Every structure is written in structure tokens, then in C-alpha cells.
PDB file of N, CA and C in Angstrom:
ATOM      1  N   MET A   1      50.976  10.724-199.390  1.00  0.00           N
ATOM      2  CA  MET A   1      51.628  10.717-197.855  1.00  0.00           C
ATOM      3  C   MET A   1      50.630  11.686-196.847  1.00  0.00           C
ATOM      4  N   GLU A   2      50.570  10.962-195.876  1.00  0.00           N
ATOM      5  CA  GLU A   2      50.118  12.346-194.866  1.00  0.00           C
ATOM      6  C   GLU A   2      50.714  12.596-193.776  1.00  0.00           C
ATOM      7  N   GLN A   3      50.589  13.937-193.418  1.00  0.00           N
ATOM      8  CA  GLN A   3      51.253  13.904-192.130  1.00  0.00           C
ATOM      9  C   GLN A   3      50.099  15.400-191.350  1.00  0.00           C
ATOM     10  N   ALA A   4      50.016  15.023-190.222  1.00  0.00           N
ATOM     11  CA  ALA A   4      49.571  15.503-189.371  1.00  0.00           C
ATOM     12  C   ALA A   4      50.271  16.614-188.173  1.00  0.00           C
ATOM     13  N   PHE A   5      50.090  17.703-188.034  1.00  0.00           N
ATOM     14  CA  PHE A   5      50.785  18.769-187.685  1.00  0.00           C
ATOM     15  C   PHE A   5      49.965  19.367-186.034  1.00  0.00           C
ATOM     16  N   LEU A   6      50.723  19.569-185.189  1.00  0.00           N
ATOM     17  CA  LEU A   6      50.206  20.249-183.836  1.00  0.00           C
ATOM     18  C   LEU A   6      49.733  21.493-184.329  1.00  0.00           C
ATOM     19  N   LEU A   7      48.463  21.479-183.181  1.00  0.00           N
ATOM     20  CA  LEU A   7      48.259  23.220-183.838  1.00  0.00           C
ATOM     21  C   LEU A   7      48.118  23.919-182.746  1.00  0.00           C
ATOM     22  N   ARG A   8      47.849  25.445-182.758  1.00  0.00           N
ATOM     23  CA  ARG A   8      47.220  25.875-181.488  1.00  0.00           C
ATOM     24  C   ARG A   8      45.669  25.717-181.532  1.00  0.00           C
ATOM     25  N   ALA A   9      45.476  25.874-180.304  1.00  0.00           N
ATOM     26  CA  ALA A   9      43.942  25.709-179.502  1.00  0.00           C
ATOM     27  C   ALA A   9      42.689  26.651-180.505  1.00  0.00           C
ATOM     28  N   GLU A  10      43.282  27.492-180.460  1.00  0.00           N
ATOM     29  CA  GLU A  10      41.904  28.611-181.801  1.00  0.00           C
ATOM     30  C   GLU A  10      41.717  27.963-182.967  1.00  0.00           C
ATOM     31  N   GLU A  11      42.973  26.712-183.340  1.00  0.00           N
ATOM     32  CA  GLU A  11      42.968  26.444-184.964  1.00  0.00           C
ATOM     33  C   GLU A  11      41.825  25.173-184.815  1.00  0.00           C
ATOM     34  N   LEU A  12      42.010  24.846-183.309  1.00  0.00           N
ATOM     35  CA  LEU A  12      41.465  23.072-183.426  1.00  0.00           C
ATOM     36  C   LEU A  12      39.884  23.513-182.891  1.00  0.00           C
ATOM     37  N   VAL A  13      39.146  24.775-182.856  1.00  0.00           N
ATOM     38  CA  VAL A  13      37.724  25.117-182.415  1.00  0.00           C
ATOM     39  C   VAL A  13      37.226  24.187-182.969  1.00  0.00           C
ATOM     40  N   GLY A  14      36.317  23.305-182.761  1.00  0.00           N
ATOM     41  CA  GLY A  14      35.141  22.718-184.106  1.00  0.00           C
ATOM     42  C   GLY A  14      35.917  21.540-184.354  1.00  0.00           C
ATOM     43  N   ARG A  15      36.783  20.744-184.146  1.00  0.00           N
ATOM     44  CA  ARG A  15      37.304  19.613-184.502  1.00  0.00           C
ATOM     45  C   ARG A  15      37.390  18.725-183.975  1.00  0.00           C
ATOM     46  N   THR A  16      36.724  17.599-184.392  1.00  0.00           N
ATOM     47  CA  THR A  16      37.096  16.124-183.361  1.00  0.00           C
ATOM     48  C   THR A  16      38.178  15.681-183.632  1.00  0.00           C
ATOM     49  N   GLY A  17      38.658  15.014-182.814  1.00  0.00           N
ATOM     50  CA  GLY A  17      39.585  14.353-182.582  1.00  0.00           C
ATOM     51  C   GLY A  17      39.401  12.869-182.334  1.00  0.00           C
ATOM     52  N   LYS A  18      41.147  12.279-182.124  1.00  0.00           N
ATOM     53  CA  LYS A  18      41.012  10.992-181.336  1.00  0.00           C
ATOM     54  C   LYS A  18      41.324  10.992-180.077  1.00  0.00           C
ATOM     55  N   GLN A  19      41.638  12.028-179.382  1.00  0.00           N
ATOM     56  CA  GLN A  19      41.969  12.027-177.772  1.00  0.00           C
ATOM     57  C   GLN A  19      40.435  11.521-177.166  1.00  0.00           C
ATOM     58  N   PRO A  20      40.892  10.668-176.147  1.00  0.00           N
ATOM     59  CA  PRO A  20      39.566  10.161-175.300  1.00  0.00           C
ATOM     60  C   PRO A  20      38.447  10.831-174.949  1.00  0.00           C
ATOM     61  N   ASP A  21      38.474  12.663-174.857  1.00  0.00           N
ATOM     62  CA  ASP A  21      37.277  13.514-174.723  1.00  0.00           C
ATOM     63  C   ASP A  21      36.571  13.693-175.994  1.00  0.00           C
ATOM     64  N   GLY A  22      37.481  13.035-177.127  1.00  0.00           N
ATOM     65  CA  GLY A  22      37.004  13.423-178.624  1.00  0.00           C
ATOM     66  C   GLY A  22      37.289  15.009-179.237  1.00  0.00           C
ATOM     67  N   SER A  23      38.352  15.792-178.068  1.00  0.00           N
ATOM     68  CA  SER A  23      39.362  16.625-178.754  1.00  0.00           C
ATOM     69  C   SER A  23      40.586  16.246-179.724  1.00  0.00           C
ATOM     70  N   ALA A  24      40.807  17.487-180.602  1.00  0.00           N
ATOM     71  CA  ALA A  24      42.104  17.061-181.688  1.00  0.00           C
ATOM     72  C   ALA A  24      42.915  18.367-181.066  1.00  0.00           C
ATOM     73  N   LYS A  25      44.475  17.413-181.267  1.00  0.00           N
ATOM     74  CA  LYS A  25      45.293  18.267-181.156  1.00  0.00           C
ATOM     75  C   LYS A  25      46.213  18.243-181.993  1.00  0.00           C
ATOM     76  N   THR A  26      45.456  17.656-183.581  1.00  0.00           N
ATOM     77  CA  THR A  26      46.733  17.860-184.881  1.00  0.00           C
ATOM     78  C   THR A  26      45.593  18.115-185.677  1.00  0.00           C
ATOM     79  N   GLY A  27      45.978  18.632-187.065  1.00  0.00           N
ATOM     80  CA  GLY A  27      45.198  18.882-188.089  1.00  0.00           C
ATOM     81  C   GLY A  27      45.724  18.197-189.427  1.00  0.00           C
ATOM     82  N   GLU A  28      45.272  17.934-190.193  1.00  0.00           N
ATOM     83  CA  GLU A  28      46.297  17.394-191.757  1.00  0.00           C
ATOM     84  C   GLU A  28      45.989  18.328-192.613  1.00  0.00           C
ATOM     85  N   VAL A  29      47.250  18.613-192.903  1.00  0.00           N
ATOM     86  CA  VAL A  29      47.949  19.557-193.870  1.00  0.00           C
ATOM     87  C   VAL A  29      47.774  18.683-195.504  1.00  0.00           C
ATOM     88  N   LYS A  30      46.541  19.867-196.645  1.00  0.00           N
ATOM     89  CA  LYS A  30      46.909  19.460-197.525  1.00  0.00           C
ATOM     90  C   LYS A  30      47.383  20.170-198.553  1.00  0.00           C
ATOM     91  N   LEU A  31      48.033  19.818-199.598  1.00  0.00           N
ATOM     92  CA  LEU A  31      49.038  20.474-200.616  1.00  0.00           C
ATOM     93  C   LEU A  31      48.541  20.054-201.664  1.00  0.00           C
ATOM     94  N   CYS A  32      48.341  21.142-202.978  1.00  0.00           N
ATOM     95  CA  CYS A  32      48.266  20.758-204.057  1.00  0.00           C
ATOM     96  C   CYS A  32      49.488  21.601-205.137  1.00  0.00           C
ATOM     97  N   THR A  33      49.771  20.824-205.925  1.00  0.00           N
ATOM     98  CA  THR A  33      51.011  21.223-206.898  1.00  0.00           C
ATOM     99  C   THR A  33      50.558  21.253-207.980  1.00  0.00           C
ATOM    100  N   ILE A  34      50.657  22.374-208.952  1.00  0.00           N
ATOM    101  CA  ILE A  34      50.156  22.366-210.213  1.00  0.00           C
ATOM    102  C   ILE A  34      51.360  22.882-211.106  1.00  0.00           C
ATOM    103  N   TRP A  35      51.404  22.405-212.349  1.00  0.00           N
ATOM    104  CA  TRP A  35      52.677  22.482-212.831  1.00  0.00           C
ATOM    105  C   TRP A  35      52.129  22.541-214.695  1.00  0.00           C
ATOM    106  N   SER A  36      52.986  22.938-215.458  1.00  0.00           N
ATOM    107  CA  SER A  36      52.408  22.542-216.929  1.00  0.00           C
ATOM    108  C   SER A  36      53.414  22.139-217.524  1.00  0.00           C
ATOM    109  N   ALA A  37      53.273  21.101-218.665  1.00  0.00           N
ATOM    110  CA  ALA A  37      54.437  20.237-219.360  1.00  0.00           C
ATOM    111  C   ALA A  37      53.912  20.271-220.794  1.00  0.00           C
ATOM    112  N   GLU A  38      54.373  20.937-221.557  1.00  0.00           N
ATOM    113  CA  GLU A  38      54.448  21.592-222.842  1.00  0.00           C
ATOM    114  C   GLU A  38      55.271  20.200-223.791  1.00  0.00           C
ATOM    115  N   SER A  39      55.920  19.448-223.129  1.00  0.00           N
ATOM    116  CA  SER A  39      57.411  18.747-224.231  1.00  0.00           C
ATOM    117  C   SER A  39      56.898  16.958-223.157  1.00  0.00           C
ATOM    118  N   LEU A  40      57.040  16.457-224.311  1.00  0.00           N
ATOM    119  CA  LEU A  40      57.274  14.759-223.374  1.00  0.00           C
ATOM    120  C   LEU A  40      58.544  14.474-223.717  1.00  0.00           C
ATOM    121  N   ASP A  41      59.350  13.043-222.474  1.00  0.00           N
ATOM    122  CA  ASP A  41      60.570  12.516-222.886  1.00  0.00           C
ATOM    123  C   ASP A  41      60.703  11.693-223.766  1.00  0.00           C
ATOM    124  N   GLU A  42      61.533  10.744-224.187  1.00  0.00           N
ATOM    125  CA  GLU A  42      61.621   9.970-224.935  1.00  0.00           C
ATOM    126  C   GLU A  42      60.518   8.665-224.530  1.00  0.00           C
ATOM    127  N   GLN A  43      59.753   8.387-223.101  1.00  0.00           N
ATOM    128  CA  GLN A  43      59.053   7.271-222.742  1.00  0.00           C
ATOM    129  C   GLN A  43      57.433   7.996-223.212  1.00  0.00           C
ATOM    130  N   GLY A  44      57.522   9.263-223.736  1.00  0.00           N
ATOM    131  CA  GLY A  44      55.967   9.927-223.978  1.00  0.00           C
ATOM    132  C   GLY A  44      55.717  10.237-222.225  1.00  0.00           C
ATOM    133  N   THR A  45      56.236  10.642-221.174  1.00  0.00           N
ATOM    134  CA  THR A  45      55.984  11.284-220.046  1.00  0.00           C
ATOM    135  C   THR A  45      55.993  12.837-219.879  1.00  0.00           C
ATOM    136  N   PRO A  46      55.150  13.451-219.686  1.00  0.00           N
ATOM    137  CA  PRO A  46      55.223  14.677-220.056  1.00  0.00           C
ATOM    138  C   PRO A  46      56.266  15.018-218.716  1.00  0.00           C
ATOM    139  N   VAL A  47      57.020  16.342-219.380  1.00  0.00           N
ATOM    140  CA  VAL A  47      58.408  16.985-218.848  1.00  0.00           C
ATOM    141  C   VAL A  47      57.648  18.223-218.318  1.00  0.00           C
ATOM    142  N   ARG A  48      58.035  18.752-216.828  1.00  0.00           N
ATOM    143  CA  ARG A  48      57.506  19.844-216.013  1.00  0.00           C
ATOM    144  C   ARG A  48      58.512  21.042-216.843  1.00  0.00           C
ATOM    145  N   ASP A  49      57.651  22.043-216.811  1.00  0.00           N
ATOM    146  CA  ASP A  49      58.329  23.233-217.867  1.00  0.00           C
ATOM    147  C   ASP A  49      58.879  23.627-216.384  1.00  0.00           C
ATOM    148  N   GLU A  50      60.080  24.305-216.694  1.00  0.00           N
ATOM    149  CA  GLU A  50      60.892  25.054-215.674  1.00  0.00           C
ATOM    150  C   GLU A  50      60.467  26.424-215.347  1.00  0.00           C
ATOM    151  N   GLY A  51      60.117  26.540-213.757  1.00  0.00           N
ATOM    152  CA  GLY A  51      59.734  27.362-213.443  1.00  0.00           C
ATOM    153  C   GLY A  51      58.098  27.451-213.392  1.00  0.00           C
ATOM    154  N   SER A  52      57.340  26.483-213.592  1.00  0.00           N
ATOM    155  CA  SER A  52      55.810  26.739-213.776  1.00  0.00           C
ATOM    156  C   SER A  52      55.257  26.402-212.824  1.00  0.00           C
ATOM    157  N   VAL A  53      55.872  25.638-211.750  1.00  0.00           N
ATOM    158  CA  VAL A  53      55.629  25.010-210.339  1.00  0.00           C
ATOM    159  C   VAL A  53      54.730  26.138-209.401  1.00  0.00           C
ATOM    160  N   THR A  54      53.155  26.061-208.829  1.00  0.00           N
ATOM    161  CA  THR A  54      52.917  26.781-207.764  1.00  0.00           C
ATOM    162  C   THR A  54      52.545  25.168-206.936  1.00  0.00           C
ATOM    163  N   TYR A  55      52.049  26.342-205.816  1.00  0.00           N
ATOM    164  CA  TYR A  55      52.107  25.201-204.563  1.00  0.00           C
ATOM    165  C   TYR A  55      51.301  25.703-203.880  1.00  0.00           C
ATOM    166  N   SER A  56      49.817  25.315-203.313  1.00  0.00           N
ATOM    167  CA  SER A  56      49.319  25.870-202.164  1.00  0.00           C
ATOM    168  C   SER A  56      48.727  24.692-201.208  1.00  0.00           C
ATOM    169  N   ALA A  57      48.596  25.228-199.966  1.00  0.00           N
ATOM    170  CA  ALA A  57      48.519  24.398-198.897  1.00  0.00           C
ATOM    171  C   ALA A  57      47.591  25.027-197.949  1.00  0.00           C
ATOM    172  N   ALA A  58      46.713  24.009-197.327  1.00  0.00           N
ATOM    173  CA  ALA A  58      45.669  24.323-196.534  1.00  0.00           C
ATOM    174  C   ALA A  58      45.532  23.851-195.213  1.00  0.00           C
ATOM    175  N   LEU A  59      45.048  24.317-193.944  1.00  0.00           N
ATOM    176  CA  LEU A  59      44.551  23.256-192.974  1.00  0.00           C
ATOM    177  C   LEU A  59      43.029  23.262-193.191  1.00  0.00           C
ATOM    178  N   GLU A  60      42.353  22.636-194.421  1.00  0.00           N
ATOM    179  CA  GLU A  60      41.321  22.907-194.424  1.00  0.00           C
ATOM    180  C   GLU A  60      40.870  21.891-194.865  1.00  0.00           C
ATOM    181  N   SER A  61      39.384  21.091-195.006  1.00  0.00           N
ATOM    182  CA  SER A  61      38.343  20.066-195.366  1.00  0.00           C
ATOM    183  C   SER A  61      38.482  19.914-196.747  1.00  0.00           C
ATOM    184  N   ALA A  62      38.912  18.812-197.370  1.00  0.00           N
ATOM    185  CA  ALA A  62      39.078  18.329-198.544  1.00  0.00           C
ATOM    186  C   ALA A  62      38.199  17.222-199.055  1.00  0.00           C
ATOM    187  N   SER A  63      36.810  17.394-198.008  1.00  0.00           N
ATOM    188  CA  SER A  63      35.925  15.885-198.145  1.00  0.00           C
ATOM    189  C   SER A  63      34.513  16.944-198.444  1.00  0.00           C
ATOM    190  N   ALA A  64      33.669  15.881-199.396  1.00  0.00           N
ATOM    191  CA  ALA A  64      32.169  16.589-199.711  1.00  0.00           C
ATOM    192  C   ALA A  64      31.653  15.695-200.286  1.00  0.00           C
ATOM    193  N   LEU A  65      30.367  15.639-200.111  1.00  0.00           N
ATOM    194  CA  LEU A  65      29.730  14.369-200.642  1.00  0.00           C
ATOM    195  C   LEU A  65      29.513  14.374-202.067  1.00  0.00           C
ATOM    196  N   ASP A  66      29.279  13.497-202.920  1.00  0.00           N
ATOM    197  CA  ASP A  66      29.576  12.986-204.406  1.00  0.00           C
ATOM    198  C   ASP A  66      28.131  14.090-204.760  1.00  0.00           C
ATOM    199  N   THR A  67      27.262  14.584-204.265  1.00  0.00           N
ATOM    200  CA  THR A  67      25.851  14.918-204.672  1.00  0.00           C
ATOM    201  C   THR A  67      26.002  16.453-203.831  1.00  0.00           C
ATOM    202  N   ALA A  68      26.957  17.100-203.341  1.00  0.00           N
ATOM    203  CA  ALA A  68      27.440  18.198-202.642  1.00  0.00           C
ATOM    204  C   ALA A  68      27.023  19.168-204.171  1.00  0.00           C
ATOM    205  N   ALA A  69      26.580  20.796-203.662  1.00  0.00           N
ATOM    206  CA  ALA A  69      26.229  21.382-205.026  1.00  0.00           C
ATOM    207  C   ALA A  69      27.724  22.236-204.521  1.00  0.00           C
ATOM    208  N   ALA A  70      28.321  22.440-203.838  1.00  0.00           N
ATOM    209  CA  ALA A  70      29.590  23.020-204.018  1.00  0.00           C
ATOM    210  C   ALA A  70      30.506  22.080-203.909  1.00  0.00           C
ATOM    211  N   ARG A  71      31.857  22.857-203.962  1.00  0.00           N
ATOM    212  CA  ARG A  71      33.433  22.442-203.693  1.00  0.00           C
ATOM    213  C   ARG A  71      33.365  22.272-202.242  1.00  0.00           C
ATOM    214  N   SER A  72      34.577  21.162-201.997  1.00  0.00           N
ATOM    215  CA  SER A  72      34.906  21.503-200.578  1.00  0.00           C
ATOM    216  C   SER A  72      35.776  22.465-200.479  1.00  0.00           C
ATOM    217  N   PRO A  73      36.199  23.140-199.245  1.00  0.00           N
ATOM    218  CA  PRO A  73      36.943  24.630-199.145  1.00  0.00           C
ATOM    219  C   PRO A  73      38.390  24.096-199.988  1.00  0.00           C
ATOM    220  N   PHE A  74      39.146  23.081-199.919  1.00  0.00           N
ATOM    221  CA  PHE A  74      40.415  23.110-200.371  1.00  0.00           C
ATOM    222  C   PHE A  74      40.349  22.627-201.962  1.00  0.00           C
ATOM    223  N   ALA A  75      39.159  21.788-202.401  1.00  0.00           N
ATOM    224  CA  ALA A  75      38.475  21.833-203.643  1.00  0.00           C
ATOM    225  C   ALA A  75      38.944  23.461-204.059  1.00  0.00           C
ATOM    226  N   GLN A  76      37.794  24.205-203.869  1.00  0.00           N
ATOM    227  CA  GLN A  76      37.681  25.340-204.217  1.00  0.00           C
ATOM    228  C   GLN A  76      39.162  26.252-204.602  1.00  0.00           C
ATOM    229  N   ARG A  77      39.862  25.889-203.343  1.00  0.00           N
ATOM    230  CA  ARG A  77      41.134  26.619-203.607  1.00  0.00           C
ATOM    231  C   ARG A  77      41.861  26.104-205.122  1.00  0.00           C
ATOM    232  N   VAL A  78      41.996  24.504-205.043  1.00  0.00           N
ATOM    233  CA  VAL A  78      42.869  24.166-206.331  1.00  0.00           C
ATOM    234  C   VAL A  78      41.703  24.984-207.427  1.00  0.00           C
ATOM    235  N   TRP A  79      40.932  24.756-207.550  1.00  0.00           N
ATOM    236  CA  TRP A  79      40.178  25.515-209.056  1.00  0.00           C
ATOM    237  C   TRP A  79      40.282  27.042-208.892  1.00  0.00           C
ATOM    238  N   ARG A  80      40.653  27.602-207.497  1.00  0.00           N
ATOM    239  CA  ARG A  80      41.017  28.969-208.110  1.00  0.00           C
ATOM    240  C   ARG A  80      42.347  28.890-208.710  1.00  0.00           C
ATOM    241  N   GLU A  81      43.269  27.968-208.182  1.00  0.00           N
ATOM    242  CA  GLU A  81      44.713  28.095-208.822  1.00  0.00           C
ATOM    243  C   GLU A  81      44.886  28.107-210.058  1.00  0.00           C
ATOM    244  N   ALA A  82      43.840  26.541-210.073  1.00  0.00           N
ATOM    245  CA  ALA A  82      43.723  26.023-211.455  1.00  0.00           C
ATOM    246  C   ALA A  82      43.407  27.357-212.798  1.00  0.00           C
ATOM    247  N   THR A  83      42.338  28.004-212.479  1.00  0.00           N
ATOM    248  CA  THR A  83      41.423  28.984-212.847  1.00  0.00           C
ATOM    249  C   THR A  83      42.645  30.113-213.047  1.00  0.00           C
ATOM    250  N   ARG A  84      43.536  30.448-212.200  1.00  0.00           N
ATOM    251  CA  ARG A  84      44.659  31.735-212.126  1.00  0.00           C
ATOM    252  C   ARG A  84      45.488  31.441-213.564  1.00  0.00           C
ATOM    253  N   ARG A  85      45.714  29.784-213.476  1.00  0.00           N
ATOM    254  CA  ARG A  85      46.685  29.578-214.137  1.00  0.00           C
ATOM    255  C   ARG A  85      46.237  29.217-216.028  1.00  0.00           C
ATOM    256  N   ARG A  86      45.048  28.967-215.702  1.00  0.00           N
ATOM    257  CA  ARG A  86      44.361  29.421-216.921  1.00  0.00           C
ATOM    258  C   ARG A  86      44.483  27.722-217.646  1.00  0.00           C
ATOM    259  N   PHE A  87      44.527  26.856-216.616  1.00  0.00           N
ATOM    260  CA  PHE A  87      44.098  25.557-217.100  1.00  0.00           C
ATOM    261  C   PHE A  87      42.769  25.074-216.606  1.00  0.00           C
ATOM    262  N   LEU A  88      42.094  25.182-218.006  1.00  0.00           N
ATOM    263  CA  LEU A  88      40.627  25.002-218.127  1.00  0.00           C
ATOM    264  C   LEU A  88      40.504  23.915-218.208  1.00  0.00           C
ATOM    265  N   PRO A  89      39.203  23.153-218.142  1.00  0.00           N
ATOM    266  CA  PRO A  89      38.357  21.973-218.604  1.00  0.00           C
ATOM    267  C   PRO A  89      38.547  22.264-220.429  1.00  0.00           C
ATOM    268  N   SER A  90      38.827  20.827-221.165  1.00  0.00           N
ATOM    269  CA  SER A  90      39.105  20.645-222.532  1.00  0.00           C
ATOM    270  C   SER A  90      37.435  21.054-222.672  1.00  0.00           C
ATOM    271  N   VAL A  91      37.172  21.268-224.270  1.00  0.00           N
ATOM    272  CA  VAL A  91      35.978  21.713-224.977  1.00  0.00           C
ATOM    273  C   VAL A  91      36.017  20.862-226.049  1.00  0.00           C
ATOM    274  N   THR A  92      35.615  19.385-226.235  1.00  0.00           N
ATOM    275  CA  THR A  92      35.582  18.243-227.130  1.00  0.00           C
ATOM    276  C   THR A  92      34.388  18.705-228.154  1.00  0.00           C
TER     277      THR A  92
END
């Protein structure tokens, strides 16, 4: 689901938009939800652990080139939260 929100002028500085003059009036909000699931239901679907949900939202870019050396600002936000929650990549 995509949602655009009206923003203050100072939040739009440097953003290109869809207005005839190329300016922007809105920005896209990015939302990340992180939760844990230690058990499965009868169909094998993970069951979210009660009280385990954290949310992180921002008006920042989620785009980056595949060849970029650094993550996008939003990807960095998600990585920080996953690291804080100790959701680390598994090692095989």
C-alpha cells in the first residue's frame, strides 16, 4: 500500500515532484514492521509473539542501486532496528 502525505515546505527542499513546475507537495512514508515468531500454527504459518512488534517509519529514500556500496537511508534504519532486536543473518 502506498500513501502520500502533504508536507511542510522545508521538508520538500530538494525533492522533485509531479507539479507542472517540477516541485513536490507530498512525500511517501516508508514503514517497517519487525516481529518475532517462536511458534507455528496448525498450517505451519509463523505465529507472532505477543508484544514483539516494533515499528519504524520515515520520510526518507528506500532506493539504492544494486551496485551501491551503502544501503539507502531507509534500509539503514531497518538494519539498525533488526540489529538492535538481535535479528542477525544466519550462518550456515
